[in-house]
Amino acid sequence: MKTILLFVFVLGAESSEKVTQVKPGETAKLECGVSTTNKNLKWERESQLIFDINGRTGASRNGKTPTTEKSKVLGNALHISSVSATDAGRFTCTVDGTPHHQRLLVVSVSVTPPDVLRLGSKAMLNCKVEGLVPEPQVEWQRPGGQPGNPQVNAVARSDAGTWLCCYSYNGERYTMDLMVGVEEPAPPTQNVSTSLPPSPKDVNKKKKCHNCQPGDVGFLSMEAMGLKLWMWIVIGAGGLVLVLVVVLSIVLPMRKKRMRRKARKLKTLRLPLKANDYCRCERPAAAAAPPRGRPREKPSTLPRQ
């Protein structure tokens, strides 16, 4: 009798759970279901504390779980951002000692290969439900509403659209949508060499000599851009000579003109004579100037006795 009552109690507790399902990366909102104004509120996940808020003072005691770090309480609801598979499970909201149970399911749906499928290719639909033990059995529903196989051997245009991953829990049926795109296969690549004429580059490409002996093909017989190598040498030498002729034809007349101008300037310029360049004439020496005043007579010498 006690076993039956316990079983009925467990079934009643599970049936009273409110189920919330989200995809990974989304934000989950778990509502407590009753007013929590000025009441003591405690949120737990699998009996692990998330928040314990005093209704009178507003003081909060936080848990140390990974879910606590990305959760916050707004009113009577618990908001969990960037949900992952580790956040799934059973949550309990206790208001003034009365528990209220919530169930968070994280459902991952995908298709392999990802993104857009090509017509005629193979594909696999994947659906995994986290938060239930044991994991429920899933089924797929095609875009038209008919049952679908998760393994598609040949993708058709009718496979494009919204597929539904379906599963059941406590007598209720739940679905999670998956959008599948289908595109035309890429056109086959054509061999350009068979449909287009050969390009000049291919025509001028050196052909391999099968019957030649070593030494028959010399260095100067190599080709570049359709011309032999010795032709390029001749063209280069001729170009160099042409450049030298042009330079000389410009520089030499300018130099001659400059020399003529300098010669005319030297002819018209009168240079000053130096002291040694003056004429030295042979003239007779000038006569001595006559003495000025009356000449003095020398006293006669007295005779000796």
Protein backbone atom coordinates (compact mmCIF):
# COMPACT_ATOMS: atom_id res chain seq x y z
CA MET A 1 0.00 0.00 0.00
CA LYS A 2 2.83 2.40 0.88
CA THR A 3 4.55 1.55 -2.40
CA ILE A 4 1.42 2.37 -4.36
CA LEU A 5 0.99 5.71 -2.56
CA LEU A 6 4.65 6.60 -3.19
CA PHE A 7 4.28 5.73 -6.89
CA VAL A 8 1.14 7.86 -7.16
CA PHE A 9 2.93 10.73 -5.39
CA VAL A 10 5.85 10.54 -7.78
CA LEU A 11 3.56 10.46 -10.80
CA GLY A 12 1.64 13.43 -9.44
CA ALA A 13 4.84 15.37 -8.83
CA GLU A 14 6.11 14.63 -12.35
CA SER A 15 2.78 15.49 -13.96
CA SER A 16 2.80 18.86 -12.21
CA GLU A 17 6.13 19.77 -13.79
CA LYS A 18 6.10 22.58 -16.30
CA VAL A 19 8.34 21.72 -19.26
CA THR A 20 10.39 24.35 -21.05
CA GLN A 21 12.47 23.37 -24.10
CA VAL A 22 15.10 25.51 -25.83
CA LYS A 23 17.91 25.05 -28.31
CA PRO A 24 21.56 25.37 -27.25
CA GLY A 25 22.67 28.99 -27.06
CA GLU A 26 19.19 30.41 -26.46
CA THR A 27 17.86 32.04 -23.26
CA ALA A 28 15.55 29.95 -21.05
CA LYS A 29 12.83 31.50 -18.89
CA LEU A 30 11.52 29.35 -16.03
CA GLU A 31 8.47 30.81 -14.28
CA CYS A 32 7.75 29.85 -10.69
CA GLY A 33 3.99 29.99 -11.29
CA VAL A 34 3.04 31.89 -8.10
CA SER A 35 3.55 35.39 -6.82
CA THR A 36 6.84 35.86 -4.99
CA THR A 37 6.36 39.43 -3.79
CA ASN A 38 7.75 39.87 -0.24
CA LYS A 39 8.19 36.12 0.05
CA ASN A 40 11.21 33.96 0.56
CA LEU A 41 12.28 32.52 -2.79
CA LYS A 42 14.76 29.74 -3.50
CA TRP A 43 15.76 28.30 -6.86
CA GLU A 44 17.50 24.92 -7.12
CA ARG A 45 18.62 22.65 -9.94
CA GLU A 46 18.78 18.96 -9.12
CA SER A 47 18.86 19.89 -5.36
CA GLN A 48 21.82 22.28 -5.97
CA LEU A 49 21.30 25.85 -4.82
CA ILE A 50 21.12 28.60 -7.43
CA PHE A 51 19.58 31.54 -5.51
CA ASP A 52 18.11 31.95 -2.00
CA ILE A 53 16.42 35.36 -1.64
CA ASN A 54 14.98 36.75 1.61
CA GLY A 55 11.58 38.28 0.88
CA ARG A 56 11.81 40.94 3.63
CA THR A 57 15.37 42.22 3.32
CA GLY A 58 16.05 41.26 -0.31
CA ALA A 59 19.38 39.67 0.68
CA SER A 60 20.46 36.94 -1.75
CA ARG A 61 22.60 33.89 -1.19
CA ASN A 62 24.02 32.52 -4.42
CA GLY A 63 25.03 28.97 -5.22
CA LYS A 64 28.33 27.87 -6.75
CA THR A 65 27.08 25.99 -9.81
CA PRO A 66 27.92 26.89 -13.44
CA THR A 67 24.23 27.62 -14.01
CA THR A 68 24.29 30.31 -11.28
CA GLU A 69 26.95 32.33 -13.11
CA LYS A 70 24.69 32.94 -16.14
CA SER A 71 21.33 33.16 -14.33
CA LYS A 72 19.35 36.00 -12.82
CA VAL A 73 15.94 36.34 -11.12
CA LEU A 74 13.46 38.81 -12.59
CA GLY A 75 10.18 38.89 -10.68
CA ASN A 76 9.05 35.31 -10.21
CA ALA A 77 11.06 33.90 -13.17
CA LEU A 78 14.56 32.52 -13.52
CA HIS A 79 16.39 33.60 -16.69
CA ILE A 80 19.32 31.46 -17.94
CA SER A 81 21.35 32.88 -20.84
CA SER A 82 23.39 30.89 -23.38
CA VAL A 83 21.85 27.58 -22.37
CA SER A 84 23.96 24.46 -22.82
CA ALA A 85 23.34 20.74 -22.28
CA THR A 86 24.73 20.96 -18.71
CA ASP A 87 21.91 23.34 -17.74
CA ALA A 88 19.16 20.85 -18.55
CA GLY A 89 17.33 19.06 -15.76
CA ARG A 90 14.78 19.53 -13.02
CA PHE A 91 14.45 22.93 -11.32
CA THR A 92 12.59 23.64 -8.09
CA CYS A 93 11.18 27.02 -7.13
CA THR A 94 10.36 27.13 -3.40
CA VAL A 95 8.17 30.02 -2.19
CA ASP A 96 7.73 30.25 1.62
CA GLY A 97 8.43 26.53 1.88
CA THR A 98 6.12 25.43 -0.96
CA PRO A 99 8.00 23.78 -3.88
CA HIS A 100 7.08 24.21 -7.53
CA HIS A 101 8.86 22.04 -10.09
CA GLN A 102 10.10 22.99 -13.56
CA ARG A 103 11.77 20.86 -16.24
CA LEU A 104 14.29 22.41 -18.64
CA LEU A 105 14.97 20.41 -21.83
CA VAL A 106 17.78 21.35 -24.21
CA VAL A 107 17.06 19.94 -27.67
CA SER A 108 19.82 19.89 -30.31
CA VAL A 109 18.73 19.42 -33.94
CA SER A 110 21.06 19.42 -36.95
CA VAL A 111 21.61 17.93 -40.38
CA THR A 112 24.76 16.31 -41.79
CA PRO A 113 26.25 17.70 -43.96
CA PRO A 114 25.40 21.11 -42.49
CA ASP A 115 23.85 24.12 -44.21
CA VAL A 116 22.27 23.48 -47.63
CA LEU A 117 21.84 20.00 -49.10
CA ARG A 118 22.40 19.16 -52.76
CA LEU A 119 19.94 17.24 -54.87
CA GLY A 120 20.74 13.54 -55.02
CA SER A 121 23.18 13.63 -52.09
CA LYS A 122 22.93 11.74 -48.80
CA ALA A 123 21.94 13.39 -45.52
CA MET A 124 21.43 12.49 -41.86
CA LEU A 125 19.06 14.27 -39.46
CA ASN A 126 20.19 14.46 -35.82
CA CYS A 127 18.07 15.13 -32.72
CA LYS A 128 19.20 14.85 -29.10
CA VAL A 129 17.13 15.70 -26.00
CA GLU A 130 19.03 16.65 -22.83
CA GLY A 131 17.33 16.77 -19.40
CA LEU A 132 15.46 13.45 -19.38
CA VAL A 133 16.63 10.11 -18.02
CA PRO A 134 16.37 7.88 -19.90
CA GLU A 135 16.63 9.87 -23.13
CA PRO A 136 13.32 9.68 -25.00
CA GLN A 137 12.91 8.08 -28.40
CA VAL A 138 12.61 10.66 -31.18
CA GLU A 139 10.82 10.59 -34.52
CA TRP A 140 11.00 12.87 -37.54
CA GLN A 141 8.18 14.53 -39.42
CA ARG A 142 8.69 15.72 -43.00
CA PRO A 143 7.76 19.24 -44.23
CA GLY A 144 4.50 17.89 -45.62
CA GLY A 145 3.50 16.33 -42.28
CA GLN A 146 4.28 12.72 -43.19
CA PRO A 147 6.61 10.59 -41.06
CA GLY A 148 10.20 10.92 -42.15
CA ASN A 149 13.34 8.86 -42.01
CA PRO A 150 16.36 10.53 -40.34
CA GLN A 151 18.60 8.97 -42.99
CA VAL A 152 17.99 10.39 -46.46
CA ASN A 153 19.70 8.40 -49.21
CA ALA A 154 18.87 10.78 -52.07
CA VAL A 155 17.87 14.35 -51.29
CA ALA A 156 14.86 15.55 -53.31
CA ARG A 157 13.26 18.95 -53.76
CA SER A 158 10.39 17.83 -51.52
CA ASP A 159 12.86 17.52 -48.61
CA ALA A 160 13.29 21.29 -48.46
CA GLY A 161 11.40 22.98 -45.63
CA THR A 162 10.81 22.57 -41.90
CA TRP A 163 11.39 19.16 -40.36
CA LEU A 164 10.12 18.39 -36.84
CA CYS A 165 11.88 16.30 -34.21
CA CYS A 166 9.09 14.72 -32.13
CA TYR A 167 9.24 13.05 -28.71
CA SER A 168 6.92 12.40 -25.76
CA TYR A 169 7.23 13.01 -22.01
CA ASN A 170 4.59 12.34 -19.34
CA GLY A 171 1.95 11.83 -21.99
CA GLU A 172 2.67 15.12 -23.71
CA ARG A 173 4.10 15.42 -27.24
CA TYR A 174 6.86 17.93 -27.90
CA THR A 175 8.50 19.05 -31.14
CA MET A 176 11.59 21.00 -32.17
CA ASP A 177 11.88 22.42 -35.69
CA LEU A 178 14.82 22.19 -38.11
CA MET A 179 14.98 24.15 -41.37
CA VAL A 180 16.51 22.23 -44.29
CA GLY A 181 17.54 23.85 -47.56
CA VAL A 182 18.03 22.07 -50.89
CA GLU A 183 19.90 23.42 -53.92
CA GLU A 184 20.70 22.22 -57.41
CA PRO A 185 23.96 20.31 -57.82
CA ALA A 186 26.91 22.18 -59.26
CA PRO A 187 27.18 21.85 -63.07
CA PRO A 188 29.92 19.47 -64.22
CA THR A 189 33.13 21.16 -65.28
CA GLN A 190 33.93 20.90 -69.00
CA ASN A 191 37.32 20.22 -70.47
CA VAL A 192 38.28 23.57 -71.95
CA SER A 193 41.06 22.11 -74.07
CA THR A 194 38.60 20.00 -76.09
CA SER A 195 35.97 22.70 -76.62
CA LEU A 196 38.15 25.77 -77.25
CA PRO A 197 40.95 26.31 -79.81
CA PRO A 198 44.47 26.31 -78.43
CA SER A 199 45.71 29.67 -77.19
CA PRO A 200 48.74 31.41 -78.80
CA LYS A 201 50.68 30.65 -75.66
CA ASP A 202 50.10 26.93 -76.20
CA VAL A 203 50.93 27.18 -79.91
CA ASN A 204 54.21 28.95 -79.24
CA LYS A 205 55.14 26.57 -76.48
CA LYS A 206 58.30 24.66 -77.26
CA LYS A 207 57.67 21.15 -78.47
CA LYS A 208 59.59 18.32 -77.05
CA CYS A 209 62.11 16.81 -79.42
CA HIS A 210 61.86 13.04 -79.34
CA ASN A 211 64.41 12.19 -82.07
CA CYS A 212 67.07 14.74 -81.13
CA GLN A 213 70.51 13.79 -79.89
CA PRO A 214 72.11 15.46 -76.85
CA GLY A 215 73.59 18.78 -77.88
CA ASP A 216 71.23 19.35 -80.85
CA VAL A 217 69.20 21.94 -78.95
CA GLY A 218 71.48 24.84 -78.03
CA PHE A 219 71.08 27.63 -75.52
CA LEU A 220 70.37 30.23 -78.22
CA SER A 221 67.59 28.11 -79.71
CA MET A 222 65.45 28.51 -76.59
CA GLU A 223 62.17 30.38 -77.12
CA ALA A 224 60.53 33.14 -75.13
CA MET A 225 57.20 34.70 -76.15
CA GLY A 226 57.46 33.08 -79.59
CA LEU A 227 60.97 34.36 -80.45
CA LYS A 228 64.32 32.65 -80.31
CA LEU A 229 66.72 33.74 -77.63
CA TRP A 230 69.31 35.02 -80.17
CA MET A 231 66.61 37.25 -81.65
CA TRP A 232 66.03 38.84 -78.24
CA ILE A 233 69.80 39.43 -77.93
CA VAL A 234 69.91 41.19 -81.31
CA ILE A 235 66.87 43.28 -80.44
CA GLY A 236 68.43 44.28 -77.14
CA ALA A 237 71.75 45.26 -78.72
CA GLY A 238 70.00 47.28 -81.44
CA GLY A 239 67.95 49.06 -78.83
CA LEU A 240 71.06 49.95 -76.85
CA VAL A 241 72.78 51.38 -79.96
CA LEU A 242 69.69 53.40 -80.79
CA VAL A 243 69.64 54.89 -77.30
CA LEU A 244 73.34 55.86 -77.55
CA VAL A 245 72.78 57.55 -80.94
CA VAL A 246 69.86 59.54 -79.59
CA VAL A 247 71.86 60.65 -76.54
CA LEU A 248 74.88 61.70 -78.63
CA SER A 249 72.72 63.57 -81.11
CA ILE A 250 71.35 65.64 -78.26
CA VAL A 251 74.48 66.11 -76.15
CA LEU A 252 77.05 66.95 -78.88
CA PRO A 253 75.15 69.90 -80.46
CA MET A 254 74.56 71.35 -77.02
CA ARG A 255 78.26 71.06 -76.21
CA LYS A 256 79.31 72.72 -79.51
CA LYS A 257 76.86 75.54 -78.97
CA ARG A 258 78.20 76.10 -75.49
CA MET A 259 81.82 76.23 -76.79
CA ARG A 260 80.92 78.80 -79.49
CA ARG A 261 79.22 81.00 -76.95
CA LYS A 262 82.28 80.88 -74.72
CA ALA A 263 84.62 81.78 -77.64
CA ARG A 264 82.54 84.84 -78.59
CA LYS A 265 82.55 85.96 -75.01
CA LEU A 266 86.39 85.78 -74.83
CA LYS A 267 86.75 87.86 -78.01
CA THR A 268 84.61 90.70 -76.79
CA LEU A 269 86.08 90.78 -73.33
CA ARG A 270 89.02 93.31 -72.80
CA LEU A 271 91.43 92.17 -70.22
CA PRO A 272 93.41 94.93 -68.13
CA LEU A 273 97.13 95.28 -68.94
CA LYS A 274 99.69 94.35 -66.38
CA ALA A 275 102.78 96.41 -65.36
CA ASN A 276 105.08 94.28 -67.46
CA ASP A 277 102.97 94.74 -70.59
CA TYR A 278 103.52 98.52 -70.95
CA CYS A 279 105.96 99.79 -73.76
CA ARG A 280 109.50 100.65 -72.74
CA CYS A 281 110.93 103.41 -75.06
CA GLU A 282 114.75 104.12 -75.43
CA ARG A 283 115.04 107.85 -74.77
CA PRO A 284 118.28 109.90 -74.01
CA ALA A 285 118.95 110.65 -70.43
CA ALA A 286 117.79 114.06 -69.33
CA ALA A 287 120.46 116.79 -68.74
CA ALA A 288 121.33 117.59 -65.24
CA ALA A 289 119.48 120.54 -63.87
CA PRO A 290 121.62 123.76 -63.49
CA PRO A 291 122.53 124.63 -59.99
CA ARG A 292 120.38 127.19 -58.40
CA GLY A 293 121.87 130.52 -56.99
CA ARG A 294 125.31 131.95 -57.42
CA PRO A 295 128.13 129.51 -57.58
CA ARG A 296 130.71 129.69 -54.92
CA GLU A 297 134.31 130.23 -55.83
CA LYS A 298 136.95 128.09 -54.37
CA PRO A 299 139.65 130.06 -52.43
CA SER A 300 142.95 130.13 -54.13
CA THR A 301 145.72 128.40 -52.48
CA LEU A 302 148.52 130.51 -51.02
CA PRO A 303 152.00 130.08 -52.41
CA ARG A 304 154.43 128.26 -50.34
CA GLN A 305 157.36 130.14 -49.13
